[in-house]
N, C-alpha and C. Protein backbone atom coordinates (compact mmCIF):
# COMPACT_ATOMS: atom_id res chain seq x y z
N UNK A 1 -17.58 -64.11 85.39
CA UNK A 1 -17.54 -63.85 83.97
C UNK A 1 -18.11 -65.04 83.23
N UNK A 2 -18.86 -64.75 82.19
CA UNK A 2 -19.52 -65.81 81.44
C UNK A 2 -18.54 -66.54 80.56
N UNK A 3 -18.82 -67.77 80.35
CA UNK A 3 -18.00 -68.58 79.47
C UNK A 3 -18.64 -68.55 78.09
N UNK A 4 -18.08 -67.76 77.20
CA UNK A 4 -18.64 -67.62 75.86
C UNK A 4 -17.64 -68.10 74.81
N UNK A 5 -16.99 -69.19 75.12
CA UNK A 5 -16.05 -69.77 74.18
C UNK A 5 -16.79 -70.36 73.00
N UNK A 6 -16.12 -70.59 71.88
CA UNK A 6 -16.77 -71.27 70.77
C UNK A 6 -17.31 -72.62 71.24
N UNK A 7 -18.52 -72.92 70.83
CA UNK A 7 -19.16 -74.15 71.28
C UNK A 7 -19.40 -75.07 70.11
N UNK A 8 -19.38 -76.34 70.39
CA UNK A 8 -19.57 -77.33 69.33
C UNK A 8 -20.99 -77.86 69.29
N UNK A 9 -21.72 -77.77 70.38
CA UNK A 9 -23.09 -78.29 70.40
C UNK A 9 -24.07 -77.13 70.35
N UNK A 10 -25.29 -77.41 69.88
CA UNK A 10 -26.31 -76.38 69.77
C UNK A 10 -26.68 -75.82 71.14
N UNK A 11 -26.78 -76.67 72.14
CA UNK A 11 -27.14 -76.21 73.48
C UNK A 11 -26.07 -75.26 74.03
N UNK A 12 -24.83 -75.55 73.77
CA UNK A 12 -23.75 -74.70 74.26
C UNK A 12 -23.73 -73.37 73.50
N UNK A 13 -24.15 -73.38 72.23
CA UNK A 13 -24.18 -72.15 71.45
C UNK A 13 -25.28 -71.21 71.91
N UNK A 14 -26.32 -71.73 72.53
CA UNK A 14 -27.46 -70.92 72.93
C UNK A 14 -27.41 -70.55 74.41
N UNK A 15 -26.21 -70.48 74.97
CA UNK A 15 -26.07 -70.09 76.37
C UNK A 15 -26.62 -68.69 76.59
N UNK A 16 -27.32 -68.45 77.69
CA UNK A 16 -27.81 -67.11 77.96
C UNK A 16 -26.65 -66.15 78.23
N UNK A 17 -26.81 -64.91 77.78
CA UNK A 17 -25.77 -63.91 77.98
C UNK A 17 -24.76 -63.84 76.86
N UNK A 18 -24.83 -64.76 75.93
CA UNK A 18 -23.92 -64.77 74.79
C UNK A 18 -24.76 -64.71 73.53
N UNK A 19 -24.20 -64.18 72.48
CA UNK A 19 -24.92 -64.17 71.22
C UNK A 19 -23.94 -64.50 70.12
N UNK A 20 -24.49 -64.93 69.01
CA UNK A 20 -23.65 -65.27 67.87
C UNK A 20 -23.39 -64.00 67.06
N UNK A 21 -22.17 -63.80 66.66
CA UNK A 21 -21.86 -62.65 65.83
C UNK A 21 -22.21 -62.98 64.39
N UNK A 22 -21.58 -62.33 63.45
CA UNK A 22 -21.90 -62.55 62.04
C UNK A 22 -21.32 -63.86 61.51
N UNK A 23 -20.79 -64.64 62.37
CA UNK A 23 -20.25 -65.93 61.98
C UNK A 23 -21.41 -66.88 61.68
N UNK A 24 -21.57 -67.34 60.45
CA UNK A 24 -22.73 -68.17 60.13
C UNK A 24 -22.76 -69.50 60.87
N UNK A 25 -21.63 -70.00 61.27
CA UNK A 25 -21.61 -71.28 61.98
C UNK A 25 -21.84 -71.08 63.47
N UNK A 26 -21.82 -69.84 63.93
CA UNK A 26 -22.05 -69.56 65.33
C UNK A 26 -20.91 -69.96 66.24
N UNK A 27 -19.71 -69.96 65.72
CA UNK A 27 -18.58 -70.40 66.53
C UNK A 27 -17.98 -69.26 67.35
N UNK A 28 -18.25 -68.02 66.94
CA UNK A 28 -17.74 -66.88 67.71
C UNK A 28 -18.81 -66.42 68.67
N UNK A 29 -18.55 -66.49 69.94
CA UNK A 29 -19.51 -66.05 70.95
C UNK A 29 -18.95 -64.82 71.64
N UNK A 30 -19.81 -63.84 71.90
CA UNK A 30 -19.40 -62.59 72.52
C UNK A 30 -20.24 -62.40 73.78
N UNK A 31 -19.60 -62.03 74.86
CA UNK A 31 -20.31 -61.88 76.12
C UNK A 31 -21.11 -60.58 76.15
N UNK A 32 -22.02 -60.48 77.09
CA UNK A 32 -22.84 -59.27 77.25
C UNK A 32 -21.96 -58.08 77.61
N UNK A 33 -20.93 -58.30 78.40
CA UNK A 33 -20.03 -57.22 78.78
C UNK A 33 -19.30 -56.68 77.55
N UNK A 34 -18.89 -57.54 76.66
CA UNK A 34 -18.23 -57.10 75.44
C UNK A 34 -19.19 -56.32 74.55
N UNK A 35 -20.46 -56.74 74.52
CA UNK A 35 -21.47 -56.01 73.75
C UNK A 35 -21.68 -54.61 74.32
N UNK A 36 -21.72 -54.49 75.66
CA UNK A 36 -21.89 -53.19 76.29
C UNK A 36 -20.72 -52.27 75.96
N UNK A 37 -19.52 -52.80 76.03
CA UNK A 37 -18.34 -51.99 75.72
C UNK A 37 -18.37 -51.52 74.27
N UNK A 38 -18.79 -52.40 73.35
CA UNK A 38 -18.87 -52.01 71.94
C UNK A 38 -19.93 -50.93 71.75
N UNK A 39 -21.05 -51.04 72.46
CA UNK A 39 -22.10 -50.02 72.36
C UNK A 39 -21.61 -48.69 72.91
N UNK A 40 -20.85 -48.71 73.99
CA UNK A 40 -20.30 -47.47 74.55
C UNK A 40 -19.33 -46.82 73.59
N UNK A 41 -18.51 -47.65 72.92
CA UNK A 41 -17.58 -47.09 71.94
C UNK A 41 -18.33 -46.46 70.78
N UNK A 42 -19.38 -47.14 70.31
CA UNK A 42 -20.17 -46.56 69.22
C UNK A 42 -20.80 -45.25 69.66
N UNK A 43 -21.28 -45.19 70.89
CA UNK A 43 -21.88 -43.97 71.40
C UNK A 43 -20.88 -42.84 71.49
N UNK A 44 -19.66 -43.14 71.90
CA UNK A 44 -18.65 -42.09 72.01
C UNK A 44 -18.24 -41.60 70.63
N UNK A 45 -18.21 -42.48 69.64
CA UNK A 45 -17.86 -42.06 68.28
C UNK A 45 -18.95 -41.14 67.73
N UNK A 46 -20.20 -41.48 67.97
CA UNK A 46 -21.31 -40.63 67.52
C UNK A 46 -21.22 -39.27 68.19
N UNK A 47 -20.90 -39.25 69.47
CA UNK A 47 -20.78 -37.99 70.20
C UNK A 47 -19.64 -37.15 69.63
N UNK A 48 -18.53 -37.77 69.28
CA UNK A 48 -17.41 -37.03 68.70
C UNK A 48 -17.79 -36.43 67.36
N UNK A 49 -18.49 -37.19 66.52
CA UNK A 49 -18.93 -36.67 65.23
C UNK A 49 -19.92 -35.52 65.42
N UNK A 50 -20.80 -35.64 66.40
CA UNK A 50 -21.76 -34.57 66.67
C UNK A 50 -21.04 -33.30 67.11
N UNK A 51 -20.06 -33.44 67.97
CA UNK A 51 -19.27 -32.28 68.42
C UNK A 51 -18.51 -31.66 67.25
N UNK A 52 -17.93 -32.48 66.40
CA UNK A 52 -17.21 -31.98 65.24
C UNK A 52 -18.15 -31.24 64.29
N UNK A 53 -19.33 -31.80 64.04
CA UNK A 53 -20.30 -31.14 63.16
C UNK A 53 -20.77 -29.82 63.74
N UNK A 54 -20.92 -29.75 65.06
CA UNK A 54 -21.33 -28.51 65.71
C UNK A 54 -20.26 -27.44 65.55
N UNK A 55 -19.02 -27.80 65.76
CA UNK A 55 -17.92 -26.84 65.63
C UNK A 55 -17.80 -26.35 64.19
N UNK A 56 -17.89 -27.25 63.25
CA UNK A 56 -17.81 -26.87 61.83
C UNK A 56 -18.99 -25.98 61.46
N UNK A 57 -20.18 -26.32 61.93
CA UNK A 57 -21.36 -25.50 61.64
C UNK A 57 -21.22 -24.09 62.18
N UNK A 58 -20.75 -23.97 63.41
CA UNK A 58 -20.52 -22.63 63.98
C UNK A 58 -19.47 -21.86 63.19
N UNK A 59 -18.43 -22.54 62.76
CA UNK A 59 -17.39 -21.88 61.95
C UNK A 59 -17.94 -21.38 60.63
N UNK A 60 -18.80 -22.17 60.00
CA UNK A 60 -19.40 -21.75 58.73
C UNK A 60 -20.29 -20.53 58.94
N UNK A 61 -21.08 -20.54 60.00
CA UNK A 61 -21.97 -19.41 60.27
C UNK A 61 -21.17 -18.13 60.52
N UNK A 62 -20.14 -18.22 61.34
CA UNK A 62 -19.31 -17.05 61.62
C UNK A 62 -18.60 -16.57 60.35
N UNK A 63 -18.08 -17.51 59.57
CA UNK A 63 -17.40 -17.15 58.33
C UNK A 63 -18.33 -16.44 57.34
N UNK A 64 -19.56 -16.94 57.21
CA UNK A 64 -20.52 -16.30 56.31
C UNK A 64 -20.89 -14.90 56.80
N UNK A 65 -20.98 -14.72 58.10
CA UNK A 65 -21.28 -13.39 58.64
C UNK A 65 -20.15 -12.41 58.32
N UNK A 66 -18.92 -12.84 58.42
CA UNK A 66 -17.78 -11.98 58.09
C UNK A 66 -17.78 -11.63 56.62
N UNK A 67 -18.05 -12.61 55.77
CA UNK A 67 -18.11 -12.36 54.32
C UNK A 67 -19.24 -11.38 54.01
N UNK A 68 -20.39 -11.54 54.67
CA UNK A 68 -21.52 -10.62 54.44
C UNK A 68 -21.12 -9.19 54.79
N UNK A 69 -20.50 -9.01 55.93
CA UNK A 69 -20.10 -7.66 56.36
C UNK A 69 -19.09 -7.05 55.39
N UNK A 70 -18.14 -7.84 54.94
CA UNK A 70 -17.14 -7.33 54.00
C UNK A 70 -17.79 -6.97 52.67
N UNK A 71 -18.73 -7.78 52.21
CA UNK A 71 -19.41 -7.51 50.94
C UNK A 71 -20.26 -6.24 51.03
N UNK A 72 -20.95 -6.06 52.14
CA UNK A 72 -21.76 -4.85 52.33
C UNK A 72 -20.86 -3.61 52.34
N UNK A 73 -19.73 -3.69 52.98
CA UNK A 73 -18.79 -2.56 53.03
C UNK A 73 -18.28 -2.23 51.62
N UNK A 74 -17.91 -3.26 50.86
CA UNK A 74 -17.42 -3.02 49.50
C UNK A 74 -18.51 -2.43 48.61
N UNK A 75 -19.73 -2.91 48.74
CA UNK A 75 -20.82 -2.38 47.92
C UNK A 75 -21.14 -0.94 48.30
N UNK A 76 -21.03 -0.59 49.57
CA UNK A 76 -21.21 0.81 49.99
C UNK A 76 -20.13 1.70 49.39
N UNK A 77 -18.88 1.22 49.40
CA UNK A 77 -17.79 1.98 48.78
C UNK A 77 -18.02 2.16 47.29
N UNK A 78 -18.49 1.11 46.62
CA UNK A 78 -18.77 1.20 45.19
C UNK A 78 -19.90 2.18 44.92
N UNK A 79 -20.95 2.15 45.72
CA UNK A 79 -22.07 3.08 45.54
C UNK A 79 -21.60 4.52 45.76
N UNK A 80 -20.75 4.74 46.75
CA UNK A 80 -20.23 6.08 47.02
C UNK A 80 -19.38 6.56 45.84
N UNK A 81 -18.55 5.67 45.26
CA UNK A 81 -17.71 6.05 44.13
C UNK A 81 -18.57 6.37 42.90
N UNK A 82 -19.60 5.61 42.65
CA UNK A 82 -20.48 5.87 41.51
C UNK A 82 -21.22 7.19 41.72
N UNK A 83 -21.66 7.47 42.93
CA UNK A 83 -22.36 8.72 43.23
C UNK A 83 -21.45 9.92 42.98
N UNK A 84 -20.15 9.77 43.28
CA UNK A 84 -19.22 10.88 43.05
C UNK A 84 -19.02 11.13 41.57
N UNK A 85 -19.11 10.08 40.74
CA UNK A 85 -18.93 10.24 39.31
C UNK A 85 -20.10 10.96 38.66
N UNK A 86 -21.28 10.82 39.22
CA UNK A 86 -22.48 11.42 38.62
C UNK A 86 -22.73 12.77 39.10
């Protein structure tokens, strides 16, 4: 495992396999393994949102189809009632 402890010298801060986070002084060092884990977590979150959007989209499509069928049925009933009046 890499030693990515906070470093006091410039040479120690530029160790291969470590990078500086948003810390302007460069005192927080993160290992490559920690970066990979963070990337995997971000990927899984994106996948979850994609799955959620797919399920919601399918629900909206099915719901609109049901509303369409109900509206067509009601309009047919209305047309039949108007035809009987005339």
